[in-house]
């Protein structure tokens, strides 16, 4: 027999709202204990959209600044660089170095280089993919 659990936050019986509230994203959408589930889901749909811009998200110190999307507003924020189609993920929030690159290829496909050194020399950064013939590779140190 299943018994109801008491929510440690609002001291009522746990329901779907309580389970969602314990998630990492809810502080970013102004959800509070007892908020209606439909309002929480609407907040997720409207507030957790990817940011976009031109250039890496952690480049506000360049002169002139190429991007104003750093620091990240919350952990988990997705950022898409429109110029290169690279995707970034905010591993932390509140600093100028919040974003890490996800392994992605440009819209035009993976560029071809003979080896890792050639890819780095051409301007690719750690985590970006390239190819040598039919083999996909990832830029590394």
Protein backbone atom coordinates (compact mmCIF):
# COMPACT_ATOMS: atom_id res chain seq x y z
CA UNK A 1 0.00 0.00 0.00
CA UNK A 2 1.34 3.43 -0.94
CA UNK A 3 1.15 6.23 1.60
CA UNK A 4 1.23 9.96 0.95
CA UNK A 5 4.41 11.80 1.82
CA UNK A 6 4.54 15.23 3.39
CA UNK A 7 6.37 17.91 1.43
CA UNK A 8 9.30 19.24 3.51
CA UNK A 9 8.92 22.70 1.97
CA UNK A 10 5.22 23.47 2.35
CA UNK A 11 4.13 20.78 4.88
CA UNK A 12 1.22 19.56 2.74
CA UNK A 13 0.86 16.26 0.95
CA UNK A 14 3.39 15.88 -1.84
CA UNK A 15 2.03 16.15 -5.37
CA UNK A 16 3.46 16.82 -8.83
CA UNK A 17 4.11 20.46 -7.93
CA UNK A 18 6.35 19.44 -5.02
CA UNK A 19 8.31 17.07 -7.21
CA UNK A 20 8.84 19.77 -9.84
CA UNK A 21 9.74 22.32 -7.20
CA UNK A 22 12.73 20.31 -6.06
CA UNK A 23 14.21 20.58 -9.57
CA UNK A 24 17.22 22.72 -10.38
CA UNK A 25 15.39 25.13 -12.73
CA UNK A 26 12.43 26.26 -10.64
CA UNK A 27 14.17 29.10 -8.78
CA UNK A 28 14.64 30.67 -12.23
CA UNK A 29 10.92 30.86 -13.05
CA UNK A 30 9.55 32.32 -9.80
CA UNK A 31 7.77 29.12 -8.75
CA UNK A 32 6.96 28.82 -5.07
CA UNK A 33 5.59 25.94 -2.99
CA UNK A 34 1.87 25.70 -3.61
CA UNK A 35 2.02 27.35 -7.05
CA UNK A 36 -0.44 25.76 -9.46
CA UNK A 37 1.18 23.12 -11.68
CA UNK A 38 -0.15 24.73 -14.87
CA UNK A 39 1.49 28.04 -13.91
CA UNK A 40 4.79 26.25 -13.26
CA UNK A 41 4.68 24.49 -16.63
CA UNK A 42 3.83 27.76 -18.39
CA UNK A 43 6.80 29.41 -16.67
CA UNK A 44 9.10 26.63 -17.81
CA UNK A 45 7.92 27.01 -21.41
CA UNK A 46 8.30 30.80 -21.51
CA UNK A 47 11.37 31.44 -19.34
CA UNK A 48 13.77 28.61 -20.08
CA UNK A 49 14.44 29.43 -23.73
CA UNK A 50 17.96 29.41 -25.20
CA UNK A 51 19.85 32.68 -25.49
CA UNK A 52 21.38 33.57 -28.84
CA UNK A 53 24.03 35.97 -30.03
CA UNK A 54 27.10 36.34 -32.18
CA UNK A 55 30.29 35.03 -30.67
CA UNK A 56 31.09 32.94 -27.63
CA UNK A 57 28.91 33.72 -24.61
CA UNK A 58 31.87 34.28 -22.30
CA UNK A 59 33.52 37.01 -24.34
CA UNK A 60 32.27 40.24 -22.68
CA UNK A 61 35.82 41.45 -22.06
CA UNK A 62 36.67 41.74 -25.76
CA UNK A 63 36.98 45.26 -27.10
CA UNK A 64 34.38 46.09 -28.29
CA UNK A 65 32.25 43.52 -26.45
CA UNK A 66 30.91 40.92 -28.86
CA UNK A 67 28.40 39.45 -26.45
CA UNK A 68 26.40 40.56 -23.46
CA UNK A 69 24.99 37.14 -22.50
CA UNK A 70 27.59 36.43 -19.86
CA UNK A 71 27.38 35.81 -16.97
CA UNK A 72 24.71 33.13 -17.27
CA UNK A 73 21.41 33.93 -15.55
CA UNK A 74 21.14 30.36 -14.19
CA UNK A 75 22.85 26.97 -14.28
CA UNK A 76 21.67 25.03 -17.30
CA UNK A 77 21.12 28.06 -19.54
CA UNK A 78 21.65 27.13 -23.20
CA UNK A 79 23.33 29.64 -25.51
CA UNK A 80 23.53 29.35 -29.32
CA UNK A 81 26.19 31.25 -31.26
CA UNK A 82 24.41 32.33 -34.46
CA UNK A 83 27.68 32.92 -36.31
CA UNK A 84 29.13 29.43 -35.82
CA UNK A 85 26.02 27.44 -34.75
CA UNK A 86 27.93 26.20 -31.71
CA UNK A 87 25.92 25.38 -28.59
CA UNK A 88 27.03 26.27 -25.06
CA UNK A 89 25.75 25.15 -21.65
CA UNK A 90 26.07 27.15 -18.42
CA UNK A 91 27.76 24.91 -15.86
CA UNK A 92 27.79 27.76 -13.32
CA UNK A 93 26.13 31.16 -13.06
CA UNK A 94 27.20 34.62 -11.98
CA UNK A 95 30.73 34.77 -13.41
CA UNK A 96 32.21 35.68 -16.78
CA UNK A 97 33.26 32.07 -17.39
CA UNK A 98 29.96 30.22 -16.88
CA UNK A 99 29.57 28.53 -20.24
CA UNK A 100 31.13 25.32 -21.54
CA UNK A 101 30.90 24.33 -25.19
CA UNK A 102 28.84 21.29 -26.08
CA UNK A 103 30.15 19.01 -28.79
CA UNK A 104 28.48 20.42 -31.88
CA UNK A 105 29.17 20.90 -35.56
CA UNK A 106 28.47 24.04 -37.58
CA UNK A 107 25.37 24.05 -39.79
CA UNK A 108 27.59 23.58 -42.82
CA UNK A 109 29.01 20.35 -41.38
CA UNK A 110 32.27 19.41 -39.72
CA UNK A 111 35.25 21.15 -41.31
CA UNK A 112 38.07 18.95 -42.61
CA UNK A 113 41.62 19.15 -41.22
CA UNK A 114 44.53 16.74 -41.43
CA UNK A 115 45.05 16.53 -37.64
CA UNK A 116 44.38 18.19 -34.28
CA UNK A 117 47.19 20.73 -34.68
CA UNK A 118 45.81 21.89 -38.04
CA UNK A 119 42.32 22.29 -36.54
CA UNK A 120 43.66 24.35 -33.61
CA UNK A 121 45.78 26.46 -35.98
CA UNK A 122 42.64 27.14 -38.06
CA UNK A 123 40.89 28.54 -34.97
CA UNK A 124 38.85 25.65 -33.61
CA UNK A 125 38.67 25.45 -29.82
CA UNK A 126 38.68 22.49 -27.45
CA UNK A 127 35.47 20.49 -27.76
CA UNK A 128 34.67 21.42 -31.36
CA UNK A 129 34.47 18.63 -33.92
CA UNK A 130 36.25 18.32 -37.23
CA UNK A 131 36.87 15.49 -39.64
CA UNK A 132 39.78 13.84 -41.33
CA UNK A 133 38.32 12.08 -44.36
CA UNK A 134 35.42 10.02 -43.04
CA UNK A 135 36.54 10.11 -39.39
CA UNK A 136 34.98 12.56 -36.95
CA UNK A 137 37.41 13.96 -34.37
CA UNK A 138 37.22 16.31 -31.39
CA UNK A 139 39.72 19.14 -30.82
CA UNK A 140 41.77 18.46 -27.68
CA UNK A 141 44.88 19.84 -25.96
